[in-house]
């Protein structure tokens, strides 16, 4: 994926410029390690996020209705259903 992207060439900093900024060779090596880890982790995060979005994406479901021949809902003496009795309590 990264290789398919056409990015502009960016000139690197000279060792004199880095030294003038107060960066040692060890500092530059650490910075390069961090940038290399971003290249891996950002691509991995993109793949994981895409998979998660696809997994959690809502899909259209058909409406559920009672089966043909299903028994009628039980009603209490007051005319309500058992669910009505629970919500009234």
PDB file of N, CA and C in Angstrom:
ATOM      1  N   UNK A   1       0.827  -1.177   0.000  1.00  0.00           N
ATOM      2  CA  UNK A   1       0.000   0.000   0.000  1.00  0.00           C
ATOM      3  C   UNK A   1       0.882   1.255   0.000  1.00  0.00           C
ATOM      4  N   UNK A   2       1.898   1.293   0.869  1.00  0.00           N
ATOM      5  CA  UNK A   2       2.761   2.466   0.932  1.00  0.00           C
ATOM      6  C   UNK A   2       3.544   2.656  -0.359  1.00  0.00           C
ATOM      7  N   UNK A   3       3.901   1.562  -0.998  1.00  0.00           N
ATOM      8  CA  UNK A   3       4.706   1.667  -2.214  1.00  0.00           C
ATOM      9  C   UNK A   3       3.884   2.160  -3.396  1.00  0.00           C
ATOM     10  N   UNK A   4       2.579   2.023  -3.333  1.00  0.00           N
ATOM     11  CA  UNK A   4       1.720   2.438  -4.430  1.00  0.00           C
ATOM     12  C   UNK A   4       1.446   3.941  -4.411  1.00  0.00           C
ATOM     13  N   UNK A   5       1.718   4.595  -3.308  1.00  0.00           N
ATOM     14  CA  UNK A   5       1.461   6.023  -3.180  1.00  0.00           C
ATOM     15  C   UNK A   5       2.641   6.797  -3.765  1.00  0.00           C
ATOM     16  N   UNK A   6       2.328   7.731  -4.655  1.00  0.00           N
ATOM     17  CA  UNK A   6       3.363   8.543  -5.281  1.00  0.00           C
ATOM     18  C   UNK A   6       3.594   9.789  -4.429  1.00  0.00           C
ATOM     19  N   UNK A   7       4.621   9.746  -3.592  1.00  0.00           N
ATOM     20  CA  UNK A   7       4.938  10.863  -2.709  1.00  0.00           C
ATOM     21  C   UNK A   7       6.070  11.699  -3.308  1.00  0.00           C
ATOM     22  N   UNK A   8       6.073  12.991  -3.058  1.00  0.00           N
ATOM     23  CA  UNK A   8       7.159  13.827  -3.575  1.00  0.00           C
ATOM     24  C   UNK A   8       8.466  13.529  -2.830  1.00  0.00           C
ATOM     25  N   UNK A   9       9.581  13.723  -3.528  1.00  0.00           N
ATOM     26  CA  UNK A   9      10.894  13.534  -2.903  1.00  0.00           C
ATOM     27  C   UNK A   9      11.148  14.687  -1.939  1.00  0.00           C
ATOM     28  N   UNK A  10      11.598  14.352  -0.761  1.00  0.00           N
ATOM     29  CA  UNK A  10      11.892  15.369   0.251  1.00  0.00           C
ATOM     30  C   UNK A  10      13.381  15.294   0.553  1.00  0.00           C
ATOM     31  N   UNK A  11      14.084  16.415   0.422  1.00  0.00           N
ATOM     32  CA  UNK A  11      15.526  16.368   0.704  1.00  0.00           C
ATOM     33  C   UNK A  11      15.782  16.092   2.182  1.00  0.00           C
ATOM     34  N   UNK A  12      16.827  15.355   2.452  1.00  0.00           N
ATOM     35  CA  UNK A  12      17.156  15.059   3.849  1.00  0.00           C
ATOM     36  C   UNK A  12      17.958  16.211   4.448  1.00  0.00           C
ATOM     37  N   UNK A  13      18.001  16.243   5.769  1.00  0.00           N
ATOM     38  CA  UNK A  13      18.779  17.264   6.458  1.00  0.00           C
ATOM     39  C   UNK A  13      20.249  16.859   6.446  1.00  0.00           C
ATOM     40  N   UNK A  14      21.110  17.827   6.303  1.00  0.00           N
ATOM     41  CA  UNK A  14      22.541  17.529   6.345  1.00  0.00           C
ATOM     42  C   UNK A  14      22.956  17.264   7.781  1.00  0.00           C
ATOM     43  N   UNK A  15      24.077  16.581   7.945  1.00  0.00           N
ATOM     44  CA  UNK A  15      24.572  16.303   9.305  1.00  0.00           C
ATOM     45  C   UNK A  15      24.900  17.596  10.028  1.00  0.00           C
ATOM     46  N   UNK A  16      25.336  18.634   9.289  1.00  0.00           N
ATOM     47  CA  UNK A  16      25.619  19.942   9.912  1.00  0.00           C
ATOM     48  C   UNK A  16      24.329  20.579  10.447  1.00  0.00           C
ATOM     49  N   UNK A  17      23.255  20.456   9.684  1.00  0.00           N
ATOM     50  CA  UNK A  17      21.970  21.024  10.114  1.00  0.00           C
ATOM     51  C   UNK A  17      21.468  20.313  11.368  1.00  0.00           C
ATOM     52  N   UNK A  18      21.583  18.985  11.381  1.00  0.00           N
ATOM     53  CA  UNK A  18      21.152  18.221  12.554  1.00  0.00           C
ATOM     54  C   UNK A  18      22.008  18.551  13.775  1.00  0.00           C
ATOM     55  N   UNK A  19      23.290  18.704  13.567  1.00  0.00           N
ATOM     56  CA  UNK A  19      24.188  19.061  14.676  1.00  0.00           C
ATOM     57  C   UNK A  19      23.853  20.458  15.192  1.00  0.00           C
ATOM     58  N   UNK A  20      23.542  21.382  14.279  1.00  0.00           N
ATOM     59  CA  UNK A  20      23.193  22.746  14.679  1.00  0.00           C
ATOM     60  C   UNK A  20      21.884  22.757  15.476  1.00  0.00           C
ATOM     61  N   UNK A  21      21.022  21.781  15.219  1.00  0.00           N
ATOM     62  CA  UNK A  21      19.773  21.673  15.965  1.00  0.00           C
ATOM     63  C   UNK A  21      19.969  20.985  17.306  1.00  0.00           C
ATOM     64  N   UNK A  22      21.208  20.542  17.574  1.00  0.00           N
ATOM     65  CA  UNK A  22      21.512  19.909  18.851  1.00  0.00           C
ATOM     66  C   UNK A  22      21.250  18.415  18.866  1.00  0.00           C
ATOM     67  N   UNK A  23      21.134  17.799  17.698  1.00  0.00           N
ATOM     68  CA  UNK A  23      20.853  16.363  17.624  1.00  0.00           C
ATOM     69  C   UNK A  23      22.145  15.585  17.384  1.00  0.00           C
ATOM     70  N   UNK A  24      22.360  14.581  18.201  1.00  0.00           N
ATOM     71  CA  UNK A  24      23.520  13.705  18.024  1.00  0.00           C
ATOM     72  C   UNK A  24      23.164  12.595  17.044  1.00  0.00           C
ATOM     73  N   UNK A  25      24.162  11.811  16.653  1.00  0.00           N
ATOM     74  CA  UNK A  25      23.899  10.663  15.772  1.00  0.00           C
ATOM     75  C   UNK A  25      22.950   9.676  16.443  1.00  0.00           C
ATOM     76  N   UNK A  26      23.067   9.520  17.765  1.00  0.00           N
ATOM     77  CA  UNK A  26      22.167   8.634  18.511  1.00  0.00           C
ATOM     78  C   UNK A  26      20.726   9.163  18.469  1.00  0.00           C
ATOM     79  N   UNK A  27      20.571  10.486  18.586  1.00  0.00           N
ATOM     80  CA  UNK A  27      19.240  11.094  18.502  1.00  0.00           C
ATOM     81  C   UNK A  27      18.612  10.847  17.132  1.00  0.00           C
ATOM     82  N   UNK A  28      19.395  11.013  16.087  1.00  0.00           N
ATOM     83  CA  UNK A  28      18.904  10.813  14.723  1.00  0.00           C
ATOM     84  C   UNK A  28      18.507   9.354  14.512  1.00  0.00           C
ATOM     85  N   UNK A  29      19.277   8.426  15.061  1.00  0.00           N
ATOM     86  CA  UNK A  29      18.944   7.005  14.936  1.00  0.00           C
ATOM     87  C   UNK A  29      17.623   6.705  15.643  1.00  0.00           C
ATOM     88  N   UNK A  30      17.406   7.301  16.813  1.00  0.00           N
ATOM     89  CA  UNK A  30      16.147   7.095  17.533  1.00  0.00           C
ATOM     90  C   UNK A  30      14.967   7.672  16.757  1.00  0.00           C
ATOM     91  N   UNK A  31      15.160   8.829  16.158  1.00  0.00           N
ATOM     92  CA  UNK A  31      14.099   9.454  15.363  1.00  0.00           C
ATOM     93  C   UNK A  31      13.745   8.570  14.172  1.00  0.00           C
ATOM     94  N   UNK A  32      14.758   8.031  13.513  1.00  0.00           N
ATOM     95  CA  UNK A  32      14.506   7.141  12.365  1.00  0.00           C
ATOM     96  C   UNK A  32      13.767   5.882  12.799  1.00  0.00           C
ATOM     97  N   UNK A  33      14.133   5.343  13.961  1.00  0.00           N
ATOM     98  CA  UNK A  33      13.415   4.157  14.473  1.00  0.00           C
ATOM     99  C   UNK A  33      11.934   4.464  14.714  1.00  0.00           C
ATOM    100  N   UNK A  34      11.676   5.628  15.273  1.00  0.00           N
ATOM    101  CA  UNK A  34      10.289   6.029  15.533  1.00  0.00           C
ATOM    102  C   UNK A  34       9.527   6.194  14.218  1.00  0.00           C
ATOM    103  N   UNK A  35      10.135   6.862  13.249  1.00  0.00           N
ATOM    104  CA  UNK A  35       9.475   7.052  11.962  1.00  0.00           C
ATOM    105  C   UNK A  35       9.230   5.723  11.259  1.00  0.00           C
ATOM    106  N   UNK A  36      10.171   4.789  11.364  1.00  0.00           N
ATOM    107  CA  UNK A  36       9.984   3.464  10.774  1.00  0.00           C
ATOM    108  C   UNK A  36       8.824   2.731  11.443  1.00  0.00           C
ATOM    109  N   UNK A  37       8.694   2.885  12.766  1.00  0.00           N
ATOM    110  CA  UNK A  37       7.588   2.211  13.464  1.00  0.00           C
ATOM    111  C   UNK A  37       6.253   2.809  13.055  1.00  0.00           C
ATOM    112  N   UNK A  38       6.207   4.123  12.774  1.00  0.00           N
ATOM    113  CA  UNK A  38       4.972   4.741  12.298  1.00  0.00           C
ATOM    114  C   UNK A  38       4.547   4.148  10.964  1.00  0.00           C
ATOM    115  N   UNK A  39       5.486   3.899  10.083  1.00  0.00           N
ATOM    116  CA  UNK A  39       5.143   3.339   8.774  1.00  0.00           C
ATOM    117  C   UNK A  39       4.471   1.987   8.936  1.00  0.00           C
ATOM    118  N   UNK A  40       4.958   1.178   9.875  1.00  0.00           N
ATOM    119  CA  UNK A  40       4.355  -0.136  10.107  1.00  0.00           C
ATOM    120  C   UNK A  40       3.035  -0.010  10.854  1.00  0.00           C
ATOM    121  N   UNK A  41       3.045   0.721  11.967  1.00  0.00           N
ATOM    122  CA  UNK A  41       1.858   0.755  12.830  1.00  0.00           C
ATOM    123  C   UNK A  41       0.700   1.500  12.184  1.00  0.00           C
ATOM    124  N   UNK A  42       0.953   2.557  11.419  1.00  0.00           N
ATOM    125  CA  UNK A  42      -0.148   3.273  10.775  1.00  0.00           C
ATOM    126  C   UNK A  42      -0.827   2.403   9.725  1.00  0.00           C
ATOM    127  N   UNK A  43      -0.055   1.650   8.956  1.00  0.00           N
ATOM    128  CA  UNK A  43      -0.648   0.753   7.961  1.00  0.00           C
ATOM    129  C   UNK A  43      -1.439  -0.356   8.651  1.00  0.00           C
ATOM    130  N   UNK A  44      -0.879  -0.903   9.716  1.00  0.00           N
ATOM    131  CA  UNK A  44      -1.571  -1.952  10.466  1.00  0.00           C
ATOM    132  C   UNK A  44      -2.858  -1.404  11.085  1.00  0.00           C
ATOM    133  N   UNK A  45      -2.791  -0.205  11.643  1.00  0.00           N
ATOM    134  CA  UNK A  45      -3.983   0.408  12.245  1.00  0.00           C
ATOM    135  C   UNK A  45      -5.064   0.627  11.195  1.00  0.00           C
ATOM    136  N   UNK A  46      -4.678   1.002   9.988  1.00  0.00           N
ATOM    137  CA  UNK A  46      -5.650   1.201   8.916  1.00  0.00           C
ATOM    138  C   UNK A  46      -6.345  -0.099   8.558  1.00  0.00           C
ATOM    139  N   UNK A  47      -5.593  -1.183   8.485  1.00  0.00           N
ATOM    140  CA  UNK A  47      -6.173  -2.492   8.163  1.00  0.00           C
ATOM    141  C   UNK A  47      -7.111  -2.943   9.285  1.00  0.00           C
ATOM    142  N   UNK A  48      -6.670  -2.799  10.528  1.00  0.00           N
ATOM    143  CA  UNK A  48      -7.490  -3.226  11.675  1.00  0.00           C
ATOM    144  C   UNK A  48      -8.762  -2.384  11.764  1.00  0.00           C
ATOM    145  N   UNK A  49      -8.640  -1.080  11.582  1.00  0.00           N
ATOM    146  CA  UNK A  49      -9.813  -0.218  11.640  1.00  0.00           C
ATOM    147  C   UNK A  49     -10.799  -0.569  10.528  1.00  0.00           C
ATOM    148  N   UNK A  50     -10.304  -0.835   9.336  1.00  0.00           N
ATOM    149  CA  UNK A  50     -11.182  -1.216   8.225  1.00  0.00           C
ATOM    150  C   UNK A  50     -11.921  -2.513   8.536  1.00  0.00           C
ATOM    151  N   UNK A  51     -11.219  -3.488   9.099  1.00  0.00           N
ATOM    152  CA  UNK A  51     -11.861  -4.761   9.455  1.00  0.00           C
ATOM    153  C   UNK A  51     -12.909  -4.548  10.539  1.00  0.00           C
ATOM    154  N   UNK A  52     -12.611  -3.705  11.510  1.00  0.00           N
ATOM    155  CA  UNK A  52     -13.560  -3.433  12.590  1.00  0.00           C
ATOM    156  C   UNK A  52     -14.811  -2.738  12.069  1.00  0.00           C
ATOM    157  N   UNK A  53     -14.631  -1.775  11.186  1.00  0.00           N
ATOM    158  CA  UNK A  53     -15.778  -1.065  10.613  1.00  0.00           C
ATOM    159  C   UNK A  53     -16.652  -2.025   9.822  1.00  0.00           C
ATOM    160  N   UNK A  54     -16.031  -2.901   9.043  1.00  0.00           N
ATOM    161  CA  UNK A  54     -16.808  -3.862   8.267  1.00  0.00           C
ATOM    162  C   UNK A  54     -17.561  -4.827   9.182  1.00  0.00           C
ATOM    163  N   UNK A  55     -16.932  -5.212  10.292  1.00  0.00           N
ATOM    164  CA  UNK A  55     -17.573  -6.136  11.228  1.00  0.00           C
ATOM    165  C   UNK A  55     -18.756  -5.484  11.935  1.00  0.00           C
ATOM    166  N   UNK A  56     -18.616  -4.220  12.297  1.00  0.00           N
ATOM    167  CA  UNK A  56     -19.646  -3.537  13.069  1.00  0.00           C
ATOM    168  C   UNK A  56     -20.665  -2.803  12.207  1.00  0.00           C
ATOM    169  N   UNK A  57     -20.461  -2.787  10.894  1.00  0.00           N
ATOM    170  CA  UNK A  57     -21.371  -2.070  10.009  1.00  0.00           C
ATOM    171  C   UNK A  57     -22.756  -2.706  10.069  1.00  0.00           C
ATOM    172  N   UNK A  58     -23.773  -1.892  10.320  1.00  0.00           N
ATOM    173  CA  UNK A  58     -25.122  -2.462  10.402  1.00  0.00           C
ATOM    174  C   UNK A  58     -25.567  -2.983   9.039  1.00  0.00           C
ATOM    175  N   UNK A  59     -26.272  -4.089   9.063  1.00  0.00           N
ATOM    176  CA  UNK A  59     -26.802  -4.646   7.828  1.00  0.00           C
ATOM    177  C   UNK A  59     -28.320  -4.641   7.899  1.00  0.00           C
ATOM    178  N   UNK A  60     -28.950  -4.533   6.759  1.00  0.00           N
ATOM    179  CA  UNK A  60     -30.402  -4.490   6.697  1.00  0.00           C
ATOM    180  C   UNK A  60     -30.969  -5.855   7.085  1.00  0.00           C
ATOM    181  N   UNK A  61     -31.853  -5.874   8.052  1.00  0.00           N
ATOM    182  CA  UNK A  61     -32.501  -7.093   8.505  1.00  0.00           C
ATOM    183  C   UNK A  61     -33.957  -7.052   8.077  1.00  0.00           C
ATOM    184  N   UNK A  62     -34.506  -8.210   7.783  1.00  0.00           N
ATOM    185  CA  UNK A  62     -35.922  -8.282   7.453  1.00  0.00           C
ATOM    186  C   UNK A  62     -36.743  -8.111   8.728  1.00  0.00           C
ATOM    187  N   UNK A  63     -37.938  -7.570   8.595  1.00  0.00           N
ATOM    188  CA  UNK A  63     -38.827  -7.388   9.728  1.00  0.00           C
ATOM    189  C   UNK A  63     -39.295  -8.757  10.231  1.00  0.00           C
ATOM    190  N   UNK A  64     -39.263  -8.911  11.529  1.00  0.00           N
ATOM    191  CA  UNK A  64     -39.684 -10.174  12.138  1.00  0.00           C
ATOM    192  C   UNK A  64     -41.140 -10.044  12.548  1.00  0.00           C
ATOM    193  N   UNK A  65     -41.934 -11.038  12.192  1.00  0.00           N
ATOM    194  CA  UNK A  65     -43.353 -11.046  12.550  1.00  0.00           C
ATOM    195  C   UNK A  65     -43.709 -12.397  13.139  1.00  0.00           C
ATOM    196  N   UNK A  66     -44.922 -12.534  13.653  1.00  0.00           N
ATOM    197  CA  UNK A  66     -45.330 -13.820  14.225  1.00  0.00           C
ATOM    198  C   UNK A  66     -45.454 -14.878  13.137  1.00  0.00           C
ATOM    199  N   UNK A  67     -45.181 -16.095  13.515  1.00  0.00           N
ATOM    200  CA  UNK A  67     -45.332 -17.208  12.588  1.00  0.00           C
ATOM    201  C   UNK A  67     -46.804 -17.460  12.318  1.00  0.00           C
ATOM    202  N   UNK A  68     -47.093 -17.981  11.128  1.00  0.00           N
ATOM    203  CA  UNK A  68     -48.475 -18.372  10.827  1.00  0.00           C
ATOM    204  C   UNK A  68     -48.882 -19.479  11.786  1.00  0.00           C
ATOM    205  N   UNK A  69     -50.044 -19.373  12.354  1.00  0.00           N
ATOM    206  CA  UNK A  69     -50.540 -20.392  13.267  1.00  0.00           C
ATOM    207  C   UNK A  69     -50.002 -20.248  14.684  1.00  0.00           C
ATOM    208  N   UNK A  70     -49.302 -19.137  15.003  1.00  0.00           N
ATOM    209  CA  UNK A  70     -48.788 -18.937  16.356  1.00  0.00           C
ATOM    210  C   UNK A  70     -49.961 -18.677  17.290  1.00  0.00           C
ATOM    211  N   UNK A  71     -49.877 -19.157  18.523  1.00  0.00           N
ATOM    212  CA  UNK A  71     -50.986 -18.929  19.460  1.00  0.00           C
ATOM    213  C   UNK A  71     -51.101 -17.444  19.783  1.00  0.00           C
ATOM    214  N   UNK A  72     -52.319 -16.979  20.087  1.00  0.00           N
ATOM    215  CA  UNK A  72     -52.492 -15.561  20.427  1.00  0.00           C
ATOM    216  C   UNK A  72     -51.773 -15.243  21.733  1.00  0.00           C
ATOM    217  N   UNK A  73     -51.454 -13.982  21.904  1.00  0.00           N
ATOM    218  CA  UNK A  73     -50.781 -13.532  23.116  1.00  0.00           C
ATOM    219  C   UNK A  73     -51.705 -13.682  24.310  1.00  0.00           C
ATOM    220  N   UNK A  74     -51.201 -14.217  25.425  1.00  0.00           N
ATOM    221  CA  UNK A  74     -52.006 -14.399  26.640  1.00  0.00           C
ATOM    222  C   UNK A  74     -52.355 -13.035  27.219  1.00  0.00           C
ATOM    223  N   UNK A  75     -53.593 -12.864  27.611  1.00  0.00           N
ATOM    224  CA  UNK A  75     -54.051 -11.597  28.192  1.00  0.00           C
ATOM    225  C   UNK A  75     -54.507 -11.847  29.629  1.00  0.00           C
ATOM    226  N   UNK A  76     -54.277 -10.875  30.483  1.00  0.00           N
ATOM    227  CA  UNK A  76     -54.718 -10.999  31.875  1.00  0.00           C
ATOM    228  C   UNK A  76     -56.179 -10.579  31.977  1.00  0.00           C
ATOM    229  N   UNK A  77     -56.714 -10.606  33.187  1.00  0.00           N
ATOM    230  CA  UNK A  77     -58.109 -10.229  33.400  1.00  0.00           C
ATOM    231  C   UNK A  77     -58.361  -8.771  33.043  1.00  0.00           C
ATOM    232  N   UNK A  78     -57.317  -7.936  33.133  1.00  0.00           N
ATOM    233  CA  UNK A  78     -57.487  -6.510  32.831  1.00  0.00           C
ATOM    234  C   UNK A  78     -57.349  -6.232  31.339  1.00  0.00           C
ATOM    235  N   UNK A  79     -57.033  -7.271  30.577  1.00  0.00           N
ATOM    236  CA  UNK A  79     -56.936  -7.090  29.142  1.00  0.00           C
ATOM    237  C   UNK A  79     -55.521  -6.819  28.650  1.00  0.00           C
ATOM    238  N   UNK A  80     -54.560  -6.723  29.554  1.00  0.00           N
ATOM    239  CA  UNK A  80     -53.183  -6.454  29.143  1.00  0.00           C
ATOM    240  C   UNK A  80     -52.387  -7.747  29.014  1.00  0.00           C
ATOM    241  N   UNK A  81     -51.234  -7.634  28.457  1.00  0.00           N
ATOM    242  CA  UNK A  81     -50.340  -8.793  28.326  1.00  0.00           C
ATOM    243  C   UNK A  81     -49.447  -8.877  29.548  1.00  0.00           C
ATOM    244  N   UNK A  82     -48.711  -9.963  29.658  1.00  0.00           N
ATOM    245  CA  UNK A  82     -47.764 -10.127  30.776  1.00  0.00           C
ATOM    246  C   UNK A  82     -46.726  -9.008  30.753  1.00  0.00           C
ATOM    247  N   UNK A  83     -46.309  -8.603  29.580  1.00  0.00           N
ATOM    248  CA  UNK A  83     -45.328  -7.512  29.482  1.00  0.00           C
ATOM    249  C   UNK A  83     -45.922  -6.213  29.999  1.00  0.00           C
ATOM    250  N   UNK A  84     -47.212  -5.971  29.735  1.00  0.00           N
ATOM    251  CA  UNK A  84     -47.864  -4.792  30.247  1.00  0.00           C
ATOM    252  C   UNK A  84     -47.901  -4.790  31.781  1.00  0.00           C
ATOM    253  N   UNK A  85     -48.140  -5.961  32.360  1.00  0.00           N
ATOM    254  CA  UNK A  85     -48.208  -6.083  33.823  1.00  0.00           C
ATOM    255  C   UNK A  85     -46.868  -5.760  34.439  1.00  0.00           C
ATOM    256  N   UNK A  86     -45.793  -6.137  33.799  1.00  0.00           N
ATOM    257  CA  UNK A  86     -44.450  -5.877  34.333  1.00  0.00           C
ATOM    258  C   UNK A  86     -44.153  -4.393  34.277  1.00  0.00           C
ATOM    259  N   UNK A  87     -44.483  -3.753  33.160  1.00  0.00           N
ATOM    260  CA  UNK A  87     -44.180  -2.323  33.027  1.00  0.00           C
ATOM    261  C   UNK A  87     -45.066  -1.458  33.905  1.00  0.00           C
ATOM    262  N   UNK A  88     -46.253  -1.956  34.274  1.00  0.00           N
ATOM    263  CA  UNK A  88     -47.155  -1.174  35.149  1.00  0.00           C
ATOM    264  C   UNK A  88     -46.743  -1.261  36.602  1.00  0.00           C
ATOM    265  N   UNK A  89     -45.975  -2.288  36.963  1.00  0.00           N
ATOM    266  CA  UNK A  89     -45.616  -2.521  38.373  1.00  0.00           C
ATOM    267  C   UNK A  89     -44.626  -1.521  38.883  1.00  0.00           C
TER     268      UNK A  89
END
